Amino acid sequence: MPNWAICYVRRIEALNYRLGRIVMYLLFVIMGVLLWSSLTKVIRMPSLWTLEVAQFTLVAYYLLGAPYSMQLGANVRMDLLYARMPVKRQAIWDIFTIFCLLFYLGVMLWGAVDSTAYSFRIGERAPSAWRPPLWPIKVVITISFALMILQAIAHLIRDIAILRNVDIPRPFVGEVNR
């Protein structure tokens, strides 16, 4: 494998690993916001902002955690047949499916960029009593799809390396899959 490919894989995986480890803690933010929402409803002074903040935080948690999940092999796949295949056959299957994933993510990124630009251009706000601007969460969505594409490409390079009998060392400890 060329050095640039190995360097690319190691850097993207290190970035997504670190970001995923940080994003995990957004779950506690969501819990805190929902706890606050419950408490303010009990004292009959409900907050207007809690539902949307919880939703936005959940979107960030889910989408920014996706590359980390893919990297660790925690994503959903049909393991009924896949798990019984030899490693090289798994790599061949992954190479085939990664192109489908890249097409899907490319379309999603294109839509996210377009939606984010539109949000900036018109100053889009949520249709609620609180009316927060929507561009921050749309930027997060756009970044998430870009990072997922970069991780998918790193996964593709890893699969090609497996077929060539080249080992690309992981930039982190705690390898879960392959």
N, C-alpha and C. Protein backbone atom coordinates (compact mmCIF):
# COMPACT_ATOMS: atom_id res chain seq x y z
N MET A 1 0.85 -1.18 0.00
CA MET A 1 0.00 0.00 0.00
C MET A 1 0.89 1.25 0.00
N PRO A 2 0.49 2.26 -0.74
CA PRO A 2 1.27 3.50 -0.74
C PRO A 2 1.24 4.18 0.64
N ASN A 3 2.29 4.88 0.95
CA ASN A 3 2.38 5.56 2.25
C ASN A 3 1.27 6.57 2.45
N TRP A 4 0.86 7.27 1.36
CA TRP A 4 -0.20 8.27 1.50
C TRP A 4 -1.51 7.61 1.92
N ALA A 5 -1.77 6.39 1.45
CA ALA A 5 -3.01 5.69 1.80
C ALA A 5 -3.00 5.29 3.27
N ILE A 6 -1.88 4.78 3.72
CA ILE A 6 -1.75 4.40 5.13
C ILE A 6 -1.87 5.63 6.02
N CYS A 7 -1.23 6.71 5.63
CA CYS A 7 -1.30 7.96 6.39
C CYS A 7 -2.73 8.48 6.43
N TYR A 8 -3.42 8.43 5.30
CA TYR A 8 -4.82 8.88 5.23
C TYR A 8 -5.68 8.08 6.20
N VAL A 9 -5.56 6.76 6.15
CA VAL A 9 -6.38 5.90 7.02
C VAL A 9 -6.09 6.20 8.48
N ARG A 10 -4.84 6.30 8.84
CA ARG A 10 -4.49 6.53 10.24
C ARG A 10 -4.98 7.88 10.74
N ARG A 11 -4.88 8.91 9.90
CA ARG A 11 -5.32 10.25 10.33
C ARG A 11 -6.84 10.35 10.44
N ILE A 12 -7.55 9.83 9.45
CA ILE A 12 -9.01 9.89 9.47
C ILE A 12 -9.54 9.06 10.64
N GLU A 13 -8.99 7.88 10.84
CA GLU A 13 -9.45 7.05 11.94
C GLU A 13 -9.12 7.67 13.29
N ALA A 14 -7.97 8.31 13.41
CA ALA A 14 -7.63 8.99 14.66
C ALA A 14 -8.59 10.15 14.92
N LEU A 15 -8.89 10.93 13.88
CA LEU A 15 -9.83 12.05 14.02
C LEU A 15 -11.21 11.55 14.44
N ASN A 16 -11.73 10.56 13.71
CA ASN A 16 -13.08 10.06 14.01
C ASN A 16 -13.15 9.34 15.35
N TYR A 17 -12.05 8.70 15.74
CA TYR A 17 -12.02 8.04 17.04
C TYR A 17 -12.10 9.07 18.17
N ARG A 18 -11.27 10.09 18.07
CA ARG A 18 -11.27 11.13 19.12
C ARG A 18 -12.61 11.86 19.17
N LEU A 19 -13.13 12.23 18.00
CA LEU A 19 -14.41 12.92 17.95
C LEU A 19 -15.52 12.02 18.51
N GLY A 20 -15.52 10.76 18.15
CA GLY A 20 -16.53 9.83 18.66
C GLY A 20 -16.48 9.69 20.16
N ARG A 21 -15.29 9.66 20.72
CA ARG A 21 -15.14 9.56 22.18
C ARG A 21 -15.68 10.80 22.88
N ILE A 22 -15.52 11.97 22.26
CA ILE A 22 -16.05 13.21 22.84
C ILE A 22 -17.57 13.26 22.69
N VAL A 23 -18.06 12.90 21.51
CA VAL A 23 -19.49 12.98 21.20
C VAL A 23 -20.31 12.04 22.08
N MET A 24 -19.69 10.96 22.57
CA MET A 24 -20.40 10.03 23.46
C MET A 24 -21.04 10.77 24.64
N TYR A 25 -20.37 11.81 25.10
CA TYR A 25 -20.85 12.51 26.28
C TYR A 25 -22.06 13.40 26.01
N LEU A 26 -22.43 13.56 24.74
CA LEU A 26 -23.65 14.31 24.44
C LEU A 26 -24.88 13.60 24.99
N LEU A 27 -24.77 12.31 25.22
CA LEU A 27 -25.88 11.58 25.82
C LEU A 27 -26.22 12.16 27.19
N PHE A 28 -25.20 12.56 27.94
CA PHE A 28 -25.44 13.17 29.24
C PHE A 28 -26.07 14.56 29.11
N VAL A 29 -25.70 15.26 28.07
CA VAL A 29 -26.33 16.56 27.80
C VAL A 29 -27.82 16.36 27.52
N ILE A 30 -28.13 15.38 26.69
CA ILE A 30 -29.54 15.09 26.38
C ILE A 30 -30.29 14.74 27.66
N MET A 31 -29.69 13.90 28.50
CA MET A 31 -30.34 13.51 29.75
C MET A 31 -30.56 14.73 30.65
N GLY A 32 -29.58 15.61 30.71
CA GLY A 32 -29.73 16.81 31.52
C GLY A 32 -30.83 17.73 31.00
N VAL A 33 -30.90 17.91 29.72
CA VAL A 33 -31.95 18.75 29.13
C VAL A 33 -33.32 18.16 29.39
N LEU A 34 -33.45 16.85 29.20
CA LEU A 34 -34.75 16.21 29.43
C LEU A 34 -35.13 16.20 30.91
N LEU A 35 -34.14 16.07 31.79
CA LEU A 35 -34.40 16.16 33.22
C LEU A 35 -34.89 17.56 33.58
N TRP A 36 -34.22 18.58 33.02
CA TRP A 36 -34.65 19.95 33.24
C TRP A 36 -36.08 20.16 32.74
N SER A 37 -36.37 19.61 31.59
CA SER A 37 -37.71 19.71 31.03
C SER A 37 -38.74 19.10 31.96
N SER A 38 -38.43 17.93 32.51
CA SER A 38 -39.35 17.27 33.44
C SER A 38 -39.54 18.08 34.71
N LEU A 39 -38.44 18.60 35.24
CA LEU A 39 -38.54 19.39 36.47
C LEU A 39 -39.36 20.66 36.27
N THR A 40 -39.15 21.34 35.16
CA THR A 40 -39.91 22.58 34.93
C THR A 40 -41.39 22.30 34.66
N LYS A 41 -41.70 21.14 34.13
CA LYS A 41 -43.12 20.79 33.96
C LYS A 41 -43.78 20.45 35.28
N VAL A 42 -43.01 19.84 36.21
CA VAL A 42 -43.55 19.50 37.52
C VAL A 42 -43.91 20.78 38.29
N ILE A 43 -43.09 21.81 38.17
CA ILE A 43 -43.38 23.07 38.88
C ILE A 43 -44.25 23.99 38.04
N ARG A 44 -44.80 23.47 36.96
CA ARG A 44 -45.75 24.16 36.08
C ARG A 44 -45.18 25.43 35.44
N MET A 45 -43.90 25.35 35.09
CA MET A 45 -43.24 26.43 34.34
C MET A 45 -42.41 25.79 33.23
N PRO A 46 -43.06 25.15 32.26
CA PRO A 46 -42.29 24.41 31.24
C PRO A 46 -41.42 25.34 30.39
N SER A 47 -40.25 24.85 30.05
CA SER A 47 -39.32 25.60 29.21
C SER A 47 -39.69 25.39 27.75
N LEU A 48 -39.56 26.43 26.96
CA LEU A 48 -39.88 26.35 25.54
C LEU A 48 -38.76 25.68 24.74
N TRP A 49 -37.55 25.74 25.22
CA TRP A 49 -36.39 25.35 24.44
C TRP A 49 -35.97 23.90 24.59
N THR A 50 -36.46 23.19 25.60
CA THR A 50 -35.88 21.88 25.93
C THR A 50 -36.09 20.82 24.85
N LEU A 51 -37.27 20.75 24.26
CA LEU A 51 -37.52 19.72 23.26
C LEU A 51 -36.59 19.88 22.05
N GLU A 52 -36.46 21.10 21.55
CA GLU A 52 -35.60 21.31 20.38
C GLU A 52 -34.13 21.13 20.69
N VAL A 53 -33.69 21.56 21.85
CA VAL A 53 -32.29 21.34 22.22
C VAL A 53 -32.00 19.85 22.34
N ALA A 54 -32.92 19.11 22.94
CA ALA A 54 -32.74 17.65 23.04
C ALA A 54 -32.71 17.02 21.65
N GLN A 55 -33.58 17.46 20.75
CA GLN A 55 -33.59 16.91 19.39
C GLN A 55 -32.31 17.24 18.65
N PHE A 56 -31.87 18.49 18.73
CA PHE A 56 -30.64 18.89 18.04
C PHE A 56 -29.44 18.13 18.59
N THR A 57 -29.39 17.97 19.91
CA THR A 57 -28.28 17.25 20.53
C THR A 57 -28.30 15.78 20.13
N LEU A 58 -29.49 15.20 20.03
CA LEU A 58 -29.59 13.81 19.60
C LEU A 58 -29.13 13.64 18.16
N VAL A 59 -29.46 14.58 17.30
CA VAL A 59 -28.99 14.53 15.90
C VAL A 59 -27.47 14.58 15.87
N ALA A 60 -26.87 15.49 16.63
CA ALA A 60 -25.41 15.60 16.67
C ALA A 60 -24.79 14.32 17.23
N TYR A 61 -25.37 13.79 18.29
CA TYR A 61 -24.88 12.55 18.90
C TYR A 61 -24.90 11.40 17.91
N TYR A 62 -26.00 11.25 17.22
CA TYR A 62 -26.18 10.14 16.30
C TYR A 62 -25.29 10.28 15.06
N LEU A 63 -25.31 11.45 14.44
CA LEU A 63 -24.58 11.61 13.17
C LEU A 63 -23.07 11.77 13.37
N LEU A 64 -22.64 12.48 14.39
CA LEU A 64 -21.20 12.61 14.62
C LEU A 64 -20.60 11.32 15.16
N GLY A 65 -21.44 10.47 15.77
CA GLY A 65 -20.97 9.18 16.26
C GLY A 65 -20.94 8.10 15.20
N ALA A 66 -21.55 8.34 14.03
CA ALA A 66 -21.63 7.32 12.98
C ALA A 66 -20.25 6.89 12.45
N PRO A 67 -19.33 7.82 12.16
CA PRO A 67 -18.01 7.36 11.68
C PRO A 67 -17.27 6.53 12.74
N TYR A 68 -17.40 6.92 13.99
CA TYR A 68 -16.79 6.17 15.09
C TYR A 68 -17.38 4.76 15.17
N SER A 69 -18.68 4.67 15.05
CA SER A 69 -19.37 3.39 15.07
C SER A 69 -18.92 2.50 13.90
N MET A 70 -18.79 3.09 12.74
CA MET A 70 -18.34 2.32 11.56
C MET A 70 -16.90 1.83 11.76
N GLN A 71 -16.09 2.69 12.32
CA GLN A 71 -14.69 2.34 12.54
C GLN A 71 -14.55 1.16 13.50
N LEU A 72 -15.38 1.11 14.51
CA LEU A 72 -15.30 0.03 15.50
C LEU A 72 -16.05 -1.22 15.07
N GLY A 73 -16.73 -1.16 13.93
CA GLY A 73 -17.49 -2.31 13.47
C GLY A 73 -18.78 -2.51 14.25
N ALA A 74 -19.27 -1.45 14.88
CA ALA A 74 -20.49 -1.53 15.67
C ALA A 74 -21.73 -1.24 14.84
N ASN A 75 -21.53 -1.01 13.55
CA ASN A 75 -22.67 -0.72 12.69
C ASN A 75 -23.45 -2.01 12.40
N VAL A 76 -24.67 -1.86 11.96
CA VAL A 76 -25.53 -3.01 11.70
C VAL A 76 -25.21 -3.60 10.34
N ARG A 77 -25.09 -4.92 10.29
CA ARG A 77 -24.91 -5.62 9.02
C ARG A 77 -25.54 -7.00 9.17
N MET A 78 -25.70 -7.63 8.07
CA MET A 78 -26.30 -8.97 8.05
C MET A 78 -25.23 -9.99 8.41
N ASP A 79 -25.05 -10.25 9.68
CA ASP A 79 -24.00 -11.15 10.13
C ASP A 79 -24.33 -12.63 9.93
N LEU A 80 -25.53 -12.93 9.51
CA LEU A 80 -25.92 -14.32 9.32
C LEU A 80 -24.95 -15.03 8.38
N LEU A 81 -24.63 -14.40 7.27
CA LEU A 81 -23.68 -14.97 6.32
C LEU A 81 -22.30 -14.33 6.45
N TYR A 82 -22.27 -13.03 6.66
CA TYR A 82 -21.03 -12.26 6.68
C TYR A 82 -20.04 -12.79 7.71
N ALA A 83 -20.50 -13.07 8.92
CA ALA A 83 -19.62 -13.50 10.00
C ALA A 83 -18.96 -14.85 9.72
N ARG A 84 -19.58 -15.66 8.87
CA ARG A 84 -19.04 -16.98 8.56
C ARG A 84 -18.05 -16.95 7.41
N MET A 85 -17.92 -15.81 6.75
CA MET A 85 -17.01 -15.71 5.61
C MET A 85 -15.57 -15.54 6.09
N PRO A 86 -14.60 -16.00 5.28
CA PRO A 86 -13.21 -15.70 5.60
C PRO A 86 -12.96 -14.18 5.49
N VAL A 87 -11.92 -13.71 6.14
CA VAL A 87 -11.63 -12.28 6.20
C VAL A 87 -11.51 -11.66 4.81
N LYS A 88 -10.86 -12.34 3.90
CA LYS A 88 -10.70 -11.77 2.54
C LYS A 88 -12.03 -11.68 1.81
N ARG A 89 -12.91 -12.64 2.00
CA ARG A 89 -14.22 -12.56 1.36
C ARG A 89 -15.05 -11.44 2.00
N GLN A 90 -14.90 -11.24 3.31
CA GLN A 90 -15.56 -10.12 3.96
C GLN A 90 -15.07 -8.80 3.36
N ALA A 91 -13.77 -8.72 3.11
CA ALA A 91 -13.20 -7.51 2.51
C ALA A 91 -13.77 -7.27 1.12
N ILE A 92 -13.92 -8.33 0.33
CA ILE A 92 -14.49 -8.18 -1.01
C ILE A 92 -15.94 -7.70 -0.91
N TRP A 93 -16.70 -8.29 -0.02
CA TRP A 93 -18.09 -7.87 0.18
C TRP A 93 -18.15 -6.42 0.65
N ASP A 94 -17.26 -6.04 1.57
CA ASP A 94 -17.22 -4.66 2.06
C ASP A 94 -16.89 -3.68 0.93
N ILE A 95 -15.96 -4.06 0.05
CA ILE A 95 -15.60 -3.19 -1.07
C ILE A 95 -16.81 -2.95 -1.96
N PHE A 96 -17.57 -4.00 -2.22
CA PHE A 96 -18.79 -3.84 -3.03
C PHE A 96 -19.79 -2.92 -2.34
N THR A 97 -20.05 -3.18 -1.06
CA THR A 97 -21.08 -2.40 -0.36
C THR A 97 -20.63 -0.97 -0.05
N ILE A 98 -19.33 -0.75 0.06
CA ILE A 98 -18.84 0.60 0.39
C ILE A 98 -19.15 1.57 -0.74
N PHE A 99 -19.15 1.08 -1.98
CA PHE A 99 -19.49 1.96 -3.10
C PHE A 99 -20.96 2.36 -3.05
N CYS A 100 -21.82 1.45 -2.62
CA CYS A 100 -23.24 1.80 -2.43
C CYS A 100 -23.36 2.84 -1.32
N LEU A 101 -22.61 2.63 -0.23
CA LEU A 101 -22.63 3.58 0.88
C LEU A 101 -22.11 4.94 0.45
N LEU A 102 -21.01 4.96 -0.31
CA LEU A 102 -20.45 6.23 -0.76
C LEU A 102 -21.42 6.99 -1.66
N PHE A 103 -22.13 6.28 -2.53
CA PHE A 103 -23.14 6.93 -3.36
C PHE A 103 -24.22 7.56 -2.49
N TYR A 104 -24.73 6.78 -1.54
CA TYR A 104 -25.77 7.28 -0.63
C TYR A 104 -25.27 8.50 0.16
N LEU A 105 -24.09 8.38 0.73
CA LEU A 105 -23.55 9.49 1.52
C LEU A 105 -23.26 10.72 0.66
N GLY A 106 -22.85 10.50 -0.59
CA GLY A 106 -22.63 11.63 -1.50
C GLY A 106 -23.92 12.39 -1.77
N VAL A 107 -25.00 11.66 -1.99
CA VAL A 107 -26.30 12.30 -2.20
C VAL A 107 -26.73 13.05 -0.94
N MET A 108 -26.54 12.42 0.22
CA MET A 108 -26.92 13.06 1.48
C MET A 108 -26.07 14.31 1.74
N LEU A 109 -24.77 14.24 1.45
CA LEU A 109 -23.90 15.40 1.63
C LEU A 109 -24.31 16.53 0.70
N TRP A 110 -24.61 16.20 -0.53
CA TRP A 110 -25.06 17.20 -1.49
C TRP A 110 -26.32 17.91 -0.97
N GLY A 111 -27.27 17.15 -0.50
CA GLY A 111 -28.49 17.72 0.06
C GLY A 111 -28.22 18.54 1.31
N ALA A 112 -27.33 18.06 2.15
CA ALA A 112 -27.00 18.77 3.39
C ALA A 112 -26.32 20.10 3.10
N VAL A 113 -25.41 20.12 2.14
CA VAL A 113 -24.73 21.38 1.77
C VAL A 113 -25.75 22.36 1.21
N ASP A 114 -26.62 21.88 0.34
CA ASP A 114 -27.65 22.73 -0.25
C ASP A 114 -28.59 23.28 0.82
N SER A 115 -29.02 22.42 1.74
CA SER A 115 -29.92 22.84 2.81
C SER A 115 -29.25 23.82 3.77
N THR A 116 -27.97 23.59 4.05
CA THR A 116 -27.23 24.50 4.93
C THR A 116 -27.05 25.87 4.29
N ALA A 117 -26.71 25.88 3.01
CA ALA A 117 -26.56 27.16 2.30
C ALA A 117 -27.89 27.92 2.28
N TYR A 118 -28.97 27.21 2.04
CA TYR A 118 -30.30 27.82 2.04
C TYR A 118 -30.62 28.40 3.43
N SER A 119 -30.29 27.66 4.47
CA SER A 119 -30.54 28.10 5.84
C SER A 119 -29.78 29.38 6.16
N PHE A 120 -28.52 29.45 5.73
CA PHE A 120 -27.73 30.67 5.92
C PHE A 120 -28.32 31.83 5.13
N ARG A 121 -28.68 31.55 3.89
CA ARG A 121 -29.14 32.60 2.98
C ARG A 121 -30.42 33.27 3.47
N ILE A 122 -31.38 32.50 3.96
CA ILE A 122 -32.65 33.11 4.36
C ILE A 122 -32.79 33.30 5.86
N GLY A 123 -31.78 32.87 6.63
CA GLY A 123 -31.88 32.99 8.08
C GLY A 123 -32.96 32.08 8.65
N GLU A 124 -33.00 30.85 8.17
CA GLU A 124 -34.05 29.90 8.53
C GLU A 124 -34.09 29.65 10.04
N ARG A 125 -35.32 29.60 10.55
CA ARG A 125 -35.55 29.32 11.97
C ARG A 125 -36.57 28.20 12.11
N ALA A 126 -36.52 27.53 13.26
CA ALA A 126 -37.48 26.45 13.52
C ALA A 126 -38.87 27.04 13.71
N PRO A 127 -39.90 26.34 13.25
CA PRO A 127 -41.27 26.85 13.40
C PRO A 127 -41.86 26.52 14.77
N SER A 128 -41.30 27.09 15.79
CA SER A 128 -41.77 26.82 17.15
C SER A 128 -41.83 28.15 17.91
N ALA A 129 -42.28 28.09 19.14
CA ALA A 129 -42.36 29.31 19.95
C ALA A 129 -40.97 29.86 20.25
N TRP A 130 -40.00 29.01 20.40
CA TRP A 130 -38.63 29.44 20.71
C TRP A 130 -37.92 29.98 19.48
N ARG A 131 -38.15 29.39 18.32
CA ARG A 131 -37.63 29.79 17.02
C ARG A 131 -36.09 29.90 16.95
N PRO A 132 -35.39 28.81 17.28
CA PRO A 132 -33.92 28.87 17.17
C PRO A 132 -33.50 28.84 15.71
N PRO A 133 -32.34 29.43 15.40
CA PRO A 133 -31.83 29.33 14.02
C PRO A 133 -31.46 27.87 13.72
N LEU A 134 -31.67 27.45 12.50
CA LEU A 134 -31.42 26.06 12.12
C LEU A 134 -30.04 25.82 11.53
N TRP A 135 -29.32 26.90 11.17
CA TRP A 135 -28.03 26.70 10.52
C TRP A 135 -27.02 25.94 11.39
N PRO A 136 -26.99 26.10 12.74
CA PRO A 136 -25.96 25.35 13.49
C PRO A 136 -26.12 23.83 13.37
N ILE A 137 -27.35 23.33 13.47
CA ILE A 137 -27.53 21.89 13.38
C ILE A 137 -27.32 21.42 11.94
N LYS A 138 -27.62 22.26 10.98
CA LYS A 138 -27.40 21.87 9.58
C LYS A 138 -25.90 21.82 9.26
N VAL A 139 -25.12 22.67 9.88
CA VAL A 139 -23.66 22.60 9.73
C VAL A 139 -23.14 21.30 10.33
N VAL A 140 -23.66 20.93 11.50
CA VAL A 140 -23.26 19.68 12.14
C VAL A 140 -23.61 18.49 11.24
N ILE A 141 -24.80 18.51 10.63
CA ILE A 141 -25.21 17.43 9.74
C ILE A 141 -24.28 17.35 8.53
N THR A 142 -23.93 18.49 7.95
CA THR A 142 -23.04 18.52 6.79
C THR A 142 -21.66 17.98 7.15
N ILE A 143 -21.12 18.41 8.27
CA ILE A 143 -19.81 17.91 8.73
C ILE A 143 -19.87 16.41 8.99
N SER A 144 -20.97 15.96 9.56
CA SER A 144 -21.12 14.53 9.86
C SER A 144 -21.09 13.69 8.59
N PHE A 145 -21.80 14.11 7.56
CA PHE A 145 -21.79 13.34 6.32
C PHE A 145 -20.41 13.37 5.67
N ALA A 146 -19.72 14.50 5.75
CA ALA A 146 -18.36 14.58 5.20
C ALA A 146 -17.42 13.63 5.95
N LEU A 147 -17.51 13.61 7.27
CA LEU A 147 -16.67 12.70 8.06
C LEU A 147 -17.01 11.24 7.79
N MET A 148 -18.27 10.95 7.57
CA MET A 148 -18.68 9.58 7.27
C MET A 148 -18.12 9.14 5.91
N ILE A 149 -18.11 10.05 4.94
CA ILE A 149 -17.51 9.73 3.64
C ILE A 149 -16.01 9.46 3.80
N LEU A 150 -15.32 10.31 4.56
CA LEU A 150 -13.89 10.11 4.79
C LEU A 150 -13.62 8.77 5.49
N GLN A 151 -14.48 8.41 6.46
CA GLN A 151 -14.32 7.13 7.15
C GLN A 151 -14.61 5.96 6.22
N ALA A 152 -15.60 6.10 5.35
CA ALA A 152 -15.92 5.03 4.39
C ALA A 152 -14.74 4.81 3.43
N ILE A 153 -14.11 5.88 3.01
CA ILE A 153 -12.94 5.76 2.13
C ILE A 153 -11.79 5.07 2.89
N ALA A 154 -11.61 5.43 4.15
CA ALA A 154 -10.58 4.76 4.96
C ALA A 154 -10.89 3.27 5.10
N HIS A 155 -12.17 2.95 5.26
CA HIS A 155 -12.59 1.55 5.35
C HIS A 155 -12.30 0.82 4.04
N LEU A 156 -12.54 1.48 2.94
CA LEU A 156 -12.26 0.91 1.62
C LEU A 156 -10.76 0.62 1.46
N ILE A 157 -9.93 1.58 1.86
CA ILE A 157 -8.48 1.39 1.78
C ILE A 157 -8.04 0.23 2.66
N ARG A 158 -8.62 0.11 3.86
CA ARG A 158 -8.31 -1.01 4.75
C ARG A 158 -8.67 -2.35 4.11
N ASP A 159 -9.84 -2.39 3.45
CA ASP A 159 -10.26 -3.63 2.79
C ASP A 159 -9.32 -4.01 1.64
N ILE A 160 -8.89 -3.01 0.88
CA ILE A 160 -7.93 -3.28 -0.19
C ILE A 160 -6.61 -3.77 0.40
N ALA A 161 -6.21 -3.20 1.53
CA ALA A 161 -4.99 -3.64 2.20
C ALA A 161 -5.12 -5.10 2.66
N ILE A 162 -6.29 -5.48 3.13
CA ILE A 162 -6.51 -6.87 3.55
C ILE A 162 -6.32 -7.81 2.35
N LEU A 163 -6.86 -7.42 1.21
CA LEU A 163 -6.71 -8.26 0.00
C LEU A 163 -5.26 -8.36 -0.44
N ARG A 164 -4.47 -7.34 -0.14
CA ARG A 164 -3.05 -7.34 -0.51
C ARG A 164 -2.15 -7.88 0.59
N ASN A 165 -2.75 -8.37 1.68
CA ASN A 165 -2.02 -8.89 2.84
C ASN A 165 -1.14 -7.84 3.50
N VAL A 166 -1.63 -6.61 3.55
CA VAL A 166 -0.92 -5.51 4.20
C VAL A 166 -1.68 -5.16 5.46
N ASP A 167 -0.95 -5.04 6.57
CA ASP A 167 -1.58 -4.67 7.83
C ASP A 167 -1.38 -3.18 8.07
N ILE A 168 -2.50 -2.47 8.22
CA ILE A 168 -2.42 -1.04 8.57
C ILE A 168 -2.71 -0.94 10.06
N PRO A 169 -1.70 -0.56 10.86
CA PRO A 169 -1.91 -0.51 12.30
C PRO A 169 -2.98 0.52 12.68
N ARG A 170 -3.73 0.20 13.69
CA ARG A 170 -4.77 1.11 14.19
C ARG A 170 -4.13 2.22 15.00
N PRO A 171 -4.65 3.47 14.87
CA PRO A 171 -4.07 4.59 15.62
C PRO A 171 -4.58 4.67 17.06
N PHE A 172 -5.32 3.67 17.52
CA PHE A 172 -5.89 3.72 18.85
C PHE A 172 -5.94 2.32 19.45
N VAL A 173 -6.17 2.26 20.73
CA VAL A 173 -6.29 0.99 21.43
C VAL A 173 -7.78 0.67 21.57
N GLY A 174 -8.12 -0.58 21.62
CA GLY A 174 -9.51 -0.96 21.84
C GLY A 174 -10.18 -1.42 20.57
N GLU A 175 -9.43 -2.01 19.67
CA GLU A 175 -9.98 -2.50 18.40
C GLU A 175 -11.07 -3.52 18.68
N VAL A 176 -12.23 -3.34 18.07
CA VAL A 176 -13.36 -4.23 18.28
C VAL A 176 -13.49 -5.24 17.15
N ASN A 177 -13.35 -4.78 15.91
CA ASN A 177 -13.63 -5.63 14.76
C ASN A 177 -12.44 -5.66 13.81
N ARG A 178 -12.03 -6.82 13.40
CA ARG A 178 -10.93 -7.06 12.47
C ARG A 178 -9.70 -6.34 12.93
